Amino acid sequence: MTRTRRARFLALVGAAALVPAALVGCSAGGQSVADACQVAGDTVTEAMGDLSSVATDPEAATDMFADTLAAMKEAGDKIENEEVKAAFDDFNGSFEEFQTVMADATEDPTNIDTDAMTEISSDLQASSTKLQELCG
């Protein structure tokens, strides 16, 4: 991977890694915003696991992102609070696009769509920010 592609790859990974931090501030309570955030945060934190190999092993990263996406979709099914569900579903959509681009980049690293990576990184960051604002 060229230096620019690697930097964009690491930026995307960094954006994805911020999600558990955005959701950690949530506290328990009925099916409130806080409770919905707790469900989302716990699931994402567990699913993302150890990110240490992501930068050095793109295939492991692809598998980890696919597993994370599956866990996030499952968490989305458990969220009943409409406000949090909408924000979480937006994030899941961005993360799914991210996972697809990463899988394509792993299969053909010489033909990475850097424009798509930049756009998805921006979408992922925006949806992560929305969750962070909701979940504190």
C-alpha atoms as a PDB file:
ATOM      1  CA  MET A   1       0.000   0.000   0.000  1.00  0.00           C
ATOM      2  CA  THR A   2       1.329   3.457  -0.757  1.00  0.00           C
ATOM      3  CA  ARG A   3       1.811   5.907   2.055  1.00  0.00           C
ATOM      4  CA  THR A   4      -1.377   7.840   1.203  1.00  0.00           C
ATOM      5  CA  ARG A   5      -3.479   4.704   0.960  1.00  0.00           C
ATOM      6  CA  ARG A   6      -2.063   3.411   4.222  1.00  0.00           C
ATOM      7  CA  ALA A   7      -2.815   6.740   5.902  1.00  0.00           C
ATOM      8  CA  ARG A   8      -6.414   6.639   4.683  1.00  0.00           C
ATOM      9  CA  PHE A   9      -6.738   3.016   5.742  1.00  0.00           C
ATOM     10  CA  LEU A  10      -5.488   3.880   9.217  1.00  0.00           C
ATOM     11  CA  ALA A  11      -7.810   6.905   9.358  1.00  0.00           C
ATOM     12  CA  LEU A  12     -10.789   4.657   8.620  1.00  0.00           C
ATOM     13  CA  VAL A  13      -9.670   2.175  11.242  1.00  0.00           C
ATOM     14  CA  GLY A  14      -9.261   5.042  13.683  1.00  0.00           C
ATOM     15  CA  ALA A  15     -12.770   6.316  12.984  1.00  0.00           C
ATOM     16  CA  ALA A  16     -14.190   2.849  13.539  1.00  0.00           C
ATOM     17  CA  ALA A  17     -12.223   2.501  16.766  1.00  0.00           C
ATOM     18  CA  LEU A  18     -13.878   5.639  18.174  1.00  0.00           C
ATOM     19  CA  VAL A  19     -17.322   4.073  18.240  1.00  0.00           C
ATOM     20  CA  PRO A  20     -16.972   2.203  21.543  1.00  0.00           C
ATOM     21  CA  ALA A  21     -15.615   5.370  23.151  1.00  0.00           C
ATOM     22  CA  ALA A  22     -18.618   7.326  21.883  1.00  0.00           C
ATOM     23  CA  LEU A  23     -20.978   4.832  23.477  1.00  0.00           C
ATOM     24  CA  VAL A  24     -19.140   4.212  26.765  1.00  0.00           C
ATOM     25  CA  GLY A  25     -20.634   7.229  28.546  1.00  0.00           C
ATOM     26  CA  CYS A  26     -24.089   5.682  28.509  1.00  0.00           C
ATOM     27  CA  SER A  27     -25.662   4.578  31.774  1.00  0.00           C
ATOM     28  CA  ALA A  28     -28.379   2.084  32.592  1.00  0.00           C
ATOM     29  CA  GLY A  29     -32.062   2.923  32.943  1.00  0.00           C
ATOM     30  CA  GLY A  30     -35.407   1.735  31.351  1.00  0.00           C
ATOM     31  CA  GLN A  31     -35.628   1.778  27.585  1.00  0.00           C
ATOM     32  CA  SER A  32     -34.346   5.319  27.683  1.00  0.00           C
ATOM     33  CA  VAL A  33     -31.651   6.864  25.541  1.00  0.00           C
ATOM     34  CA  ALA A  34     -29.121   5.808  28.175  1.00  0.00           C
ATOM     35  CA  ASP A  35     -30.307   2.191  28.167  1.00  0.00           C
ATOM     36  CA  ALA A  36     -30.282   1.999  24.383  1.00  0.00           C
ATOM     37  CA  CYS A  37     -26.786   3.489  24.342  1.00  0.00           C
ATOM     38  CA  GLN A  38     -25.664   0.906  26.891  1.00  0.00           C
ATOM     39  CA  VAL A  39     -26.905  -1.949  24.698  1.00  0.00           C
ATOM     40  CA  ALA A  40     -25.142  -0.465  21.689  1.00  0.00           C
ATOM     41  CA  GLY A  41     -21.937   0.359  23.557  1.00  0.00           C
ATOM     42  CA  ASP A  42     -21.561  -3.015  25.216  1.00  0.00           C
ATOM     43  CA  THR A  43     -22.114  -4.860  21.952  1.00  0.00           C
ATOM     44  CA  VAL A  44     -19.741  -2.742  19.896  1.00  0.00           C
ATOM     45  CA  THR A  45     -16.996  -2.756  22.545  1.00  0.00           C
ATOM     46  CA  GLU A  46     -17.135  -6.549  22.789  1.00  0.00           C
ATOM     47  CA  ALA A  47     -17.341  -7.022  19.020  1.00  0.00           C
ATOM     48  CA  MET A  48     -14.401  -4.755  18.210  1.00  0.00           C
ATOM     49  CA  GLY A  49     -12.129  -6.586  20.636  1.00  0.00           C
ATOM     50  CA  ASP A  50      -8.409  -6.130  20.139  1.00  0.00           C
ATOM     51  CA  LEU A  51      -7.575  -3.768  17.281  1.00  0.00           C
ATOM     52  CA  SER A  52      -3.803  -4.216  17.560  1.00  0.00           C
ATOM     53  CA  SER A  53      -3.488  -6.470  14.484  1.00  0.00           C
ATOM     54  CA  VAL A  54      -5.710  -4.349  12.218  1.00  0.00           C
ATOM     55  CA  ALA A  55      -2.943  -2.124  10.833  1.00  0.00           C
ATOM     56  CA  THR A  56      -0.585  -5.015  10.117  1.00  0.00           C
ATOM     57  CA  ASP A  57      -2.987  -7.715   8.951  1.00  0.00           C
ATOM     58  CA  PRO A  58      -5.646  -6.434   6.527  1.00  0.00           C
ATOM     59  CA  GLU A  59      -7.263  -9.865   6.176  1.00  0.00           C
ATOM     60  CA  ALA A  60      -7.713 -10.130   9.942  1.00  0.00           C
ATOM     61  CA  ALA A  61      -9.125  -6.597   9.867  1.00  0.00           C
ATOM     62  CA  THR A  62     -11.650  -7.573   7.194  1.00  0.00           C
ATOM     63  CA  ASP A  63     -12.799 -10.535   9.272  1.00  0.00           C
ATOM     64  CA  MET A  64     -12.975  -8.435  12.429  1.00  0.00           C
ATOM     65  CA  PHE A  65     -15.000  -5.726  10.692  1.00  0.00           C
ATOM     66  CA  ALA A  66     -17.419  -8.330   9.286  1.00  0.00           C
ATOM     67  CA  ASP A  67     -17.869  -9.822  12.763  1.00  0.00           C
ATOM     68  CA  THR A  68     -18.317  -6.347  14.243  1.00  0.00           C
ATOM     69  CA  LEU A  69     -20.941  -5.466  11.649  1.00  0.00           C
ATOM     70  CA  ALA A  70     -22.886  -8.645  12.408  1.00  0.00           C
ATOM     71  CA  ALA A  71     -22.778  -7.879  16.145  1.00  0.00           C
ATOM     72  CA  MET A  72     -23.850  -4.278  15.554  1.00  0.00           C
ATOM     73  CA  LYS A  73     -26.814  -5.393  13.443  1.00  0.00           C
ATOM     74  CA  GLU A  74     -27.799  -7.733  16.276  1.00  0.00           C
ATOM     75  CA  ALA A  75     -27.464  -4.881  18.783  1.00  0.00           C
ATOM     76  CA  GLY A  76     -29.588  -2.680  16.535  1.00  0.00           C
ATOM     77  CA  ASP A  77     -32.385  -5.228  16.825  1.00  0.00           C
ATOM     78  CA  LYS A  78     -32.266  -4.859  20.625  1.00  0.00           C
ATOM     79  CA  ILE A  79     -32.495  -1.069  20.597  1.00  0.00           C
ATOM     80  CA  GLU A  80     -36.071   0.113  21.042  1.00  0.00           C
ATOM     81  CA  ASN A  81     -35.444   3.810  21.660  1.00  0.00           C
ATOM     82  CA  GLU A  82     -36.296   5.429  18.317  1.00  0.00           C
ATOM     83  CA  GLU A  83     -33.784   8.281  18.588  1.00  0.00           C
ATOM     84  CA  VAL A  84     -30.838   6.014  19.395  1.00  0.00           C
ATOM     85  CA  LYS A  85     -31.994   3.357  16.917  1.00  0.00           C
ATOM     86  CA  ALA A  86     -32.020   5.906  14.066  1.00  0.00           C
ATOM     87  CA  ALA A  87     -28.513   7.127  14.918  1.00  0.00           C
ATOM     88  CA  PHE A  88     -27.223   3.594  15.432  1.00  0.00           C
ATOM     89  CA  ASP A  89     -28.751   2.419  12.141  1.00  0.00           C
ATOM     90  CA  ASP A  90     -27.071   5.348  10.351  1.00  0.00           C
ATOM     91  CA  PHE A  91     -23.769   4.332  11.891  1.00  0.00           C
ATOM     92  CA  ASN A  92     -24.326   0.695  10.929  1.00  0.00           C
ATOM     93  CA  GLY A  93     -24.991   1.734   7.327  1.00  0.00           C
ATOM     94  CA  SER A  94     -21.748   3.713   7.221  1.00  0.00           C
ATOM     95  CA  PHE A  95     -19.864   0.876   8.880  1.00  0.00           C
ATOM     96  CA  GLU A  96     -21.268  -1.611   6.364  1.00  0.00           C
ATOM     97  CA  GLU A  97     -20.002   0.571   3.496  1.00  0.00           C
ATOM     98  CA  PHE A  98     -16.645   0.811   5.281  1.00  0.00           C
ATOM     99  CA  GLN A  99     -16.479  -2.968   5.681  1.00  0.00           C
ATOM    100  CA  THR A 100     -17.239  -3.463   1.966  1.00  0.00           C
ATOM    101  CA  VAL A 101     -14.520  -1.023   0.872  1.00  0.00           C
ATOM    102  CA  MET A 102     -12.046  -2.656   3.253  1.00  0.00           C
ATOM    103  CA  ALA A 103     -12.853  -6.122   1.897  1.00  0.00           C
ATOM    104  CA  ASP A 104     -12.369  -4.855  -1.665  1.00  0.00           C
ATOM    105  CA  ALA A 105      -9.085  -3.189  -0.692  1.00  0.00           C
ATOM    106  CA  THR A 106      -7.848  -6.415   0.873  1.00  0.00           C
ATOM    107  CA  GLU A 107      -8.657  -8.391  -2.254  1.00  0.00           C
ATOM    108  CA  ASP A 108      -6.976  -5.866  -4.559  1.00  0.00           C
ATOM    109  CA  PRO A 109      -4.714  -3.451  -2.625  1.00  0.00           C
ATOM    110  CA  THR A 110      -3.398  -1.880  -5.817  1.00  0.00           C
ATOM    111  CA  ASN A 111      -6.867  -0.730  -6.839  1.00  0.00           C
ATOM    112  CA  ILE A 112      -8.166   0.976  -3.683  1.00  0.00           C
ATOM    113  CA  ASP A 113     -10.946   3.474  -4.288  1.00  0.00           C
ATOM    114  CA  THR A 114      -9.448   6.352  -2.306  1.00  0.00           C
ATOM    115  CA  ASP A 115     -12.372   8.661  -3.062  1.00  0.00           C
ATOM    116  CA  ALA A 116     -14.796   6.114  -1.609  1.00  0.00           C
ATOM    117  CA  MET A 117     -12.531   5.634   1.408  1.00  0.00           C
ATOM    118  CA  THR A 118     -12.484   9.382   2.025  1.00  0.00           C
ATOM    119  CA  GLU A 119     -16.258   9.698   1.677  1.00  0.00           C
ATOM    120  CA  ILE A 120     -16.947   6.700   3.910  1.00  0.00           C
ATOM    121  CA  SER A 121     -14.479   7.938   6.498  1.00  0.00           C
ATOM    122  CA  SER A 122     -16.357  11.236   6.611  1.00  0.00           C
ATOM    123  CA  ASP A 123     -19.754   9.485   6.855  1.00  0.00           C
ATOM    124  CA  LEU A 124     -18.458   7.173   9.571  1.00  0.00           C
ATOM    125  CA  GLN A 125     -17.092  10.092  11.564  1.00  0.00           C
ATOM    126  CA  ALA A 126     -20.362  12.050  11.222  1.00  0.00           C
ATOM    127  CA  SER A 127     -22.513   9.129  12.346  1.00  0.00           C
ATOM    128  CA  SER A 128     -20.109   8.394  15.200  1.00  0.00           C
ATOM    129  CA  THR A 129     -20.354  12.031  16.295  1.00  0.00           C
ATOM    130  CA  LYS A 130     -24.157  11.817  16.253  1.00  0.00           C
ATOM    131  CA  LEU A 131     -24.021   8.756  18.528  1.00  0.00           C
ATOM    132  CA  GLN A 132     -21.531  10.440  20.823  1.00  0.00           C
ATOM    133  CA  GLU A 133     -23.799  13.474  21.139  1.00  0.00           C
ATOM    134  CA  LEU A 134     -26.759  11.257  21.977  1.00  0.00           C
ATOM    135  CA  CYS A 135     -24.938   8.930  24.322  1.00  0.00           C
ATOM    136  CA  GLY A 136     -22.627  11.471  25.921  1.00  0.00           C
END
